[in-house]
Protein backbone atom coordinates (compact mmCIF):
# COMPACT_ATOMS: atom_id res chain seq x y z
CA MET A 1 -70.52 -22.05 -57.77
CA THR A 2 -68.98 -22.49 -61.05
CA THR A 3 -65.77 -24.65 -61.10
CA LEU A 4 -63.11 -25.47 -63.66
CA ALA A 5 -64.35 -28.95 -64.05
CA SER A 6 -67.87 -27.48 -64.80
CA LEU A 7 -66.80 -25.41 -67.60
CA PRO A 8 -66.90 -27.65 -70.93
CA VAL A 9 -63.88 -26.20 -72.25
CA LEU A 10 -61.81 -26.37 -69.26
CA ALA A 11 -62.98 -29.78 -67.98
CA PRO A 12 -60.35 -31.62 -70.14
CA VAL A 13 -57.68 -29.39 -68.67
CA ALA A 14 -58.79 -30.08 -65.07
CA ALA A 15 -59.14 -33.67 -65.74
CA ALA A 16 -55.52 -33.77 -67.09
CA GLN A 17 -54.28 -31.79 -63.99
CA ASN A 18 -56.06 -34.21 -61.52
CA ASP A 19 -54.36 -37.12 -63.48
CA LEU A 20 -51.13 -35.56 -63.26
CA LEU A 21 -51.36 -34.89 -59.56
CA SER A 22 -52.57 -38.50 -58.86
CA ARG A 23 -49.52 -40.03 -60.57
CA ILE A 24 -47.08 -37.55 -58.58
CA PHE A 25 -48.67 -37.88 -55.13
CA VAL A 26 -50.76 -41.18 -54.33
CA PHE A 27 -50.47 -41.98 -50.58
CA ASP A 28 -52.50 -45.11 -50.71
CA ARG A 29 -51.30 -47.98 -48.93
CA TYR A 30 -48.16 -45.75 -47.91
CA GLY A 31 -47.49 -47.61 -44.83
CA GLU A 32 -47.36 -50.92 -46.39
CA LEU A 33 -44.96 -49.61 -49.16
CA LEU A 34 -42.63 -48.26 -46.45
CA GLN A 35 -42.40 -51.76 -44.88
CA MET A 36 -41.93 -53.50 -48.07
CA LEU A 37 -39.13 -51.02 -49.38
CA GLN A 38 -36.98 -50.64 -46.15
CA ASN A 39 -34.01 -51.75 -47.93
CA SER A 40 -34.43 -49.02 -50.60
CA ILE A 41 -34.71 -46.31 -47.81
CA PHE A 42 -31.77 -47.61 -46.04
CA ALA A 43 -29.79 -47.86 -49.27
CA GLY A 44 -30.66 -44.31 -49.75
CA ALA A 45 -29.28 -43.38 -46.30
CA VAL A 46 -26.25 -45.17 -47.27
CA LEU A 47 -25.90 -43.30 -50.68
CA GLY A 48 -26.66 -40.04 -48.90
CA LEU A 49 -23.45 -40.46 -46.81
CA ILE A 50 -21.22 -41.56 -49.57
CA GLY A 51 -22.56 -38.57 -51.82
CA GLY A 52 -21.86 -36.19 -48.88
CA PHE A 53 -18.32 -37.21 -48.35
CA VAL A 54 -17.21 -37.75 -52.02
CA GLY A 55 -19.00 -34.52 -53.22
CA VAL A 56 -16.74 -32.40 -51.14
CA PHE A 57 -13.70 -33.61 -52.96
CA VAL A 58 -15.42 -33.83 -56.27
CA MET A 59 -16.11 -29.93 -55.83
CA MET A 60 -12.80 -29.17 -54.41
CA ARG A 61 -11.02 -31.01 -57.29
CA ASP A 62 -13.46 -29.42 -59.71
CA HIS A 63 -14.29 -33.05 -61.07
CA ALA A 64 -18.13 -32.41 -61.65
CA PHE A 65 -17.58 -33.18 -65.53
CA ALA A 66 -15.77 -36.38 -64.45
CA VAL A 67 -18.73 -37.59 -62.53
CA HIS A 68 -20.94 -37.26 -65.54
CA GLY A 69 -18.26 -39.18 -67.76
CA ILE A 70 -17.83 -41.95 -65.27
CA SER A 71 -21.67 -42.42 -64.90
CA GLU A 72 -22.09 -42.83 -68.73
CA MET A 73 -19.41 -45.64 -68.72
CA SER A 74 -21.09 -47.18 -65.66
CA PHE A 75 -24.41 -47.24 -67.64
CA ALA A 76 -22.59 -48.89 -70.43
CA GLY A 77 -21.15 -51.38 -68.20
CA ALA A 78 -24.58 -52.12 -66.43
CA ALA A 79 -26.37 -52.40 -69.77
CA LEU A 80 -23.81 -54.96 -71.03
CA ALA A 81 -24.14 -56.83 -67.85
CA LEU A 82 -28.03 -56.81 -68.42
CA LEU A 83 -27.77 -57.99 -71.89
CA LEU A 84 -25.39 -60.93 -70.97
CA GLY A 85 -27.27 -62.07 -68.00
CA TYR A 86 -24.79 -61.16 -65.50
CA ASP A 87 -25.06 -59.21 -62.18
CA VAL A 88 -26.04 -55.44 -63.13
CA VAL A 89 -24.05 -54.05 -60.16
CA THR A 90 -20.87 -55.85 -61.17
CA GLY A 91 -21.03 -54.45 -64.71
CA SER A 92 -21.68 -50.97 -63.46
CA MET A 93 -18.85 -51.18 -61.15
CA ILE A 94 -16.41 -52.55 -63.71
CA GLY A 95 -17.45 -49.74 -66.19
CA SER A 96 -17.20 -46.95 -63.46
CA ILE A 97 -13.70 -47.95 -62.10
CA ALA A 98 -12.33 -48.72 -65.71
CA SER A 99 -13.32 -45.31 -66.91
CA ALA A 100 -12.12 -43.51 -63.54
CA LEU A 101 -8.69 -45.20 -64.09
CA LEU A 102 -8.78 -44.12 -67.81
CA ILE A 103 -9.41 -40.51 -66.89
CA ALA A 104 -7.02 -40.58 -64.22
CA PHE A 105 -4.05 -42.13 -66.56
CA LEU A 106 -4.94 -40.03 -69.89
CA GLY A 107 -6.09 -36.78 -68.01
CA ALA A 108 -3.32 -36.32 -65.56
CA LYS A 109 -3.10 -32.82 -66.65
CA ALA A 110 -6.02 -30.52 -66.23
CA SER A 111 -5.61 -29.47 -69.95
CA ASN A 112 -6.20 -33.08 -70.86
CA SER A 113 -8.91 -34.15 -68.51
CA ASN A 114 -11.80 -32.45 -69.98
CA SER A 115 -11.00 -33.78 -73.54
CA VAL A 116 -10.60 -37.26 -72.33
CA ILE A 117 -14.00 -37.16 -70.43
CA GLY A 118 -15.65 -35.33 -73.35
CA ALA A 119 -14.47 -38.40 -75.63
CA LEU A 120 -15.74 -41.03 -73.13
CA MET A 121 -19.15 -39.52 -72.42
CA PRO A 122 -20.52 -40.06 -75.79
CA PHE A 123 -18.84 -43.36 -76.25
CA GLY A 124 -20.21 -44.72 -73.01
CA LEU A 125 -23.79 -43.45 -73.78
CA GLY A 126 -23.54 -44.93 -77.32
CA LEU A 127 -22.49 -48.37 -76.11
CA GLY A 128 -25.15 -48.24 -73.54
CA ILE A 129 -27.92 -47.46 -75.99
CA LEU A 130 -26.65 -50.34 -78.39
CA PHE A 131 -26.72 -52.98 -75.42
CA LEU A 132 -30.12 -51.82 -74.16
CA SER A 133 -31.37 -52.00 -78.01
CA LEU A 134 -30.13 -55.50 -78.24
CA TYR A 135 -31.79 -56.53 -74.77
CA GLN A 136 -35.18 -58.34 -75.06
CA GLY A 137 -36.10 -58.46 -71.47
CA ARG A 138 -38.60 -55.99 -69.52
CA SER A 139 -38.62 -52.36 -70.64
CA ALA A 140 -38.46 -51.36 -67.05
CA ASN A 141 -35.07 -52.86 -66.57
CA LYS A 142 -33.86 -50.56 -69.39
CA PHE A 143 -35.63 -47.45 -67.95
CA GLY A 144 -34.44 -48.14 -64.42
CA LEU A 145 -30.64 -48.09 -65.53
CA LEU A 146 -31.00 -44.28 -66.70
CA THR A 147 -33.48 -43.01 -64.23
CA GLY A 148 -33.17 -45.23 -61.10
CA GLN A 149 -35.54 -47.74 -59.33
CA ILE A 150 -36.74 -47.76 -55.81
CA VAL A 151 -37.70 -51.31 -55.78
CA SER A 152 -34.65 -52.77 -57.20
CA VAL A 153 -32.58 -52.93 -54.03
CA ASP A 154 -32.52 -56.36 -52.39
CA ALA A 155 -30.70 -57.34 -49.14
CA ASP A 156 -27.58 -58.37 -50.87
CA GLN A 157 -27.31 -55.13 -52.83
CA LEU A 158 -27.76 -53.39 -49.62
CA HIS A 159 -24.93 -55.15 -48.05
CA THR A 160 -22.86 -54.54 -51.19
CA MET A 161 -23.76 -50.75 -50.49
CA ILE A 162 -22.77 -50.76 -46.87
CA ILE A 163 -19.48 -52.40 -47.57
CA GLY A 164 -18.81 -49.95 -50.37
CA ALA A 165 -19.51 -47.08 -47.98
CA VAL A 166 -17.10 -48.45 -45.32
CA VAL A 167 -14.39 -48.83 -47.91
CA ILE A 168 -14.96 -45.33 -49.58
CA ILE A 169 -15.18 -43.45 -46.12
CA SER A 170 -12.01 -45.35 -44.89
CA LEU A 171 -10.22 -44.57 -47.87
CA LEU A 172 -11.04 -40.87 -47.75
CA VAL A 173 -10.12 -40.74 -43.96
CA MET A 174 -6.74 -42.24 -44.75
CA VAL A 175 -5.86 -39.78 -47.41
CA TRP A 176 -7.95 -36.65 -46.07
CA ARG A 177 -5.15 -34.49 -45.37
CA PRO A 178 -2.91 -34.93 -48.18
CA LEU A 179 -5.93 -35.03 -50.63
CA SER A 180 -7.25 -31.84 -49.25
CA PHE A 181 -3.90 -30.25 -49.58
CA ALA A 182 -3.58 -31.56 -53.08
CA SER A 183 -6.95 -30.42 -53.91
CA LEU A 184 -6.82 -26.88 -52.70
CA ASP A 185 -3.36 -25.97 -53.84
CA PRO A 186 -1.96 -28.40 -56.05
CA GLU A 187 1.23 -26.50 -57.00
CA VAL A 188 2.40 -25.94 -53.49
CA ALA A 189 1.59 -29.59 -52.70
CA ARG A 190 3.64 -30.92 -55.77
CA ALA A 191 6.52 -28.62 -54.67
CA LYS A 192 6.33 -30.16 -51.21
CA GLY A 193 6.76 -33.83 -52.45
CA VAL A 194 2.94 -34.75 -52.11
CA PRO A 195 2.22 -37.97 -54.28
CA MET A 196 -0.16 -36.22 -56.69
CA ARG A 197 -0.52 -39.08 -59.24
CA PHE A 198 -1.01 -41.59 -56.36
CA LEU A 199 -3.71 -39.47 -54.67
CA SER A 200 -5.35 -38.80 -58.09
CA LEU A 201 -5.60 -42.57 -58.79
CA VAL A 202 -7.05 -43.28 -55.43
CA PHE A 203 -9.69 -40.67 -55.51
CA MET A 204 -10.74 -41.49 -59.12
CA VAL A 205 -11.09 -45.20 -57.92
CA ILE A 206 -13.14 -43.94 -55.00
CA LEU A 207 -15.36 -41.81 -57.34
CA GLY A 208 -15.83 -44.62 -59.54
CA ILE A 209 -17.19 -46.93 -56.87
CA ALA A 210 -19.37 -44.24 -55.69
CA VAL A 211 -20.90 -43.53 -59.03
CA ALA A 212 -21.49 -47.17 -59.69
CA LEU A 213 -23.40 -47.59 -56.19
CA SER A 214 -25.42 -44.28 -56.89
CA VAL A 215 -26.55 -45.58 -60.42
CA GLN A 216 -28.29 -48.47 -58.79
CA VAL A 217 -30.91 -46.00 -57.19
CA VAL A 218 -30.80 -42.59 -58.93
CA GLY A 219 -29.71 -43.85 -62.42
CA SER A 220 -26.83 -43.01 -64.61
CA LEU A 221 -28.40 -39.63 -66.08
CA LEU A 222 -29.03 -37.97 -62.81
CA VAL A 223 -26.30 -39.26 -60.55
CA LEU A 224 -25.07 -35.65 -60.55
CA ALA A 225 -27.73 -34.54 -58.15
CA LEU A 226 -26.28 -36.84 -55.38
CA LEU A 227 -22.49 -36.43 -55.95
CA ILE A 228 -22.30 -32.68 -56.64
CA THR A 229 -25.28 -30.46 -56.05
CA PRO A 230 -25.16 -31.20 -52.06
CA ALA A 231 -21.59 -30.41 -51.69
CA ALA A 232 -21.96 -27.42 -54.06
CA ALA A 233 -25.00 -26.17 -51.81
CA ALA A 234 -22.98 -26.65 -48.61
CA MET A 235 -20.04 -24.46 -50.17
CA GLN A 236 -22.55 -21.68 -50.65
CA VAL A 237 -23.27 -21.15 -46.98
CA THR A 238 -19.86 -21.81 -45.27
CA ALA A 239 -16.13 -22.01 -45.94
CA SER A 240 -15.26 -24.07 -43.04
CA PRO A 241 -14.23 -27.69 -44.30
CA LEU A 242 -15.87 -29.51 -41.13
CA ARG A 243 -19.17 -27.64 -41.73
CA THR A 244 -18.99 -28.23 -45.37
CA LEU A 245 -18.77 -31.86 -44.89
CA ILE A 246 -21.55 -32.10 -42.43
CA LEU A 247 -23.79 -29.96 -44.64
CA SER A 248 -23.04 -31.86 -47.56
CA VAL A 249 -23.95 -35.22 -45.93
CA LEU A 250 -27.16 -33.52 -44.46
CA PHE A 251 -28.22 -32.35 -47.84
CA ALA A 252 -27.46 -35.52 -49.66
CA GLU A 253 -29.48 -37.32 -47.11
CA ALA A 254 -32.46 -35.00 -47.37
CA SER A 255 -32.34 -35.37 -51.09
CA ILE A 256 -32.14 -39.06 -51.46
CA VAL A 257 -34.25 -40.29 -48.59
CA GLY A 258 -36.81 -37.63 -49.17
CA GLY A 259 -36.76 -38.51 -52.78
CA ILE A 260 -37.46 -42.04 -52.07
CA LEU A 261 -40.23 -41.26 -49.60
CA LEU A 262 -41.92 -39.14 -52.26
CA ALA A 263 -41.48 -41.53 -54.87
CA LEU A 264 -43.20 -44.31 -52.83
CA ALA A 265 -46.33 -42.07 -52.81
CA GLY A 266 -46.57 -41.78 -56.77
CA SER A 267 -46.03 -43.70 -60.00
CA LEU A 268 -43.04 -41.56 -61.20
CA PRO A 269 -39.15 -42.73 -61.08
CA ILE A 270 -37.23 -41.73 -58.12
CA SER A 271 -35.04 -39.39 -59.96
CA PRO A 272 -37.43 -36.36 -60.58
CA TYR A 273 -37.93 -36.13 -56.67
CA VAL A 274 -34.25 -36.48 -55.77
CA THR A 275 -33.25 -33.83 -58.36
CA SER A 276 -35.99 -31.51 -57.44
CA ILE A 277 -35.13 -31.63 -53.71
CA SER A 278 -31.54 -31.40 -54.46
CA PHE A 279 -31.87 -28.41 -56.60
CA LEU A 280 -34.22 -26.52 -54.31
CA ILE A 281 -31.62 -26.98 -51.52
CA TYR A 282 -29.08 -25.59 -53.77
CA VAL A 283 -31.24 -22.44 -54.66
CA VAL A 284 -31.88 -21.70 -51.00
CA CYS A 285 -28.08 -22.02 -50.12
CA ARG A 286 -27.28 -19.83 -53.11
CA VAL A 287 -29.74 -17.01 -51.97
CA ILE A 288 -28.33 -17.42 -48.19
CA GLY A 289 -24.85 -17.38 -49.44
CA GLY A 290 -25.50 -14.26 -51.60
CA VAL A 291 -27.10 -12.35 -48.63
CA LYS A 292 -24.19 -13.47 -46.16
CA ARG A 293 -21.65 -12.14 -48.97
CA ARG A 294 -23.39 -8.97 -49.25
CA HIS A 295 -23.69 -8.18 -45.54
CA SER A 296 -19.89 -9.17 -45.31
CA ALA A 297 -18.88 -6.80 -48.04
CA SER A 298 -21.08 -4.00 -46.50
CA GLY A 299 -19.46 -4.47 -43.14
CA ARG A 300 -15.97 -4.39 -44.58
CA GLN A 301 -16.87 -1.02 -46.41
CA LEU A 302 -18.11 0.41 -43.08
CA THR A 303 -14.99 -0.58 -41.46
CA GLU A 304 -12.68 0.87 -44.00
CA LYS A 305 -14.75 4.19 -43.74
CA ALA A 306 -14.49 4.28 -40.04
CA GLN A 307 -10.65 3.60 -40.27
CA ASP A 308 -10.36 6.45 -42.90
CA LEU A 309 -12.24 8.83 -40.57
């Protein structure tokens, strides 16, 4: 029987395809890798929890663009720390929180927020590229800041992530009701005396910490897949705040932990796996949400016709 590899013209194509698949999925010594990289898997689970919680408010407050802007400044801070020989996590955290506070202060009004973020994004990316260009160390360290690394999480970083998760979730629980009110109906909340500026500052600091922690694993360019897509997918299938939170956490966990488990089986960075799983979940939820809305609209039309009769 003739195969693709037996045809002279198609043999290079088949070889290239086999080589590509061998790079994406290689399960050699998979059990040993799972044992060696337990910290990365646990870190992914912690980040999924953070992303699920924070992502709900990111979507409610329409801060998706802010996540991207903060991640670029986080990248710049991490690149500067790498260049100077300091802790990359600390540099990433400083860059994230500084940019988050800058956005909160200068972009207090919705009309100013996008322009501030739009100015910060290329500035942060340019600084990061400058610092990485000056860095003379391993190229893997440079690439990891952009696309993430699953082997870069040690015990100390895992403890830092756990502490960060406790701080983030504790702060969100403390301000959950007023922050939800201010996010869903800001005009009424302002009229009722809700401290809008204070809540905005608190949430931006929370967002800065979440971005800095996420950048360590998924990279600065693709942090959106963890802090936005899971919550956006959850909102497609339910309007209940509690169900949205639960689904957002589950979707984030599936994306990050599933991405890490798949990345262990190949030679590619973790980010393509995480983003692919996250996007697939979003597409499925989008389809389910569309079907539900169509059935709901049909039901309302039938009810209205029955009442007219």
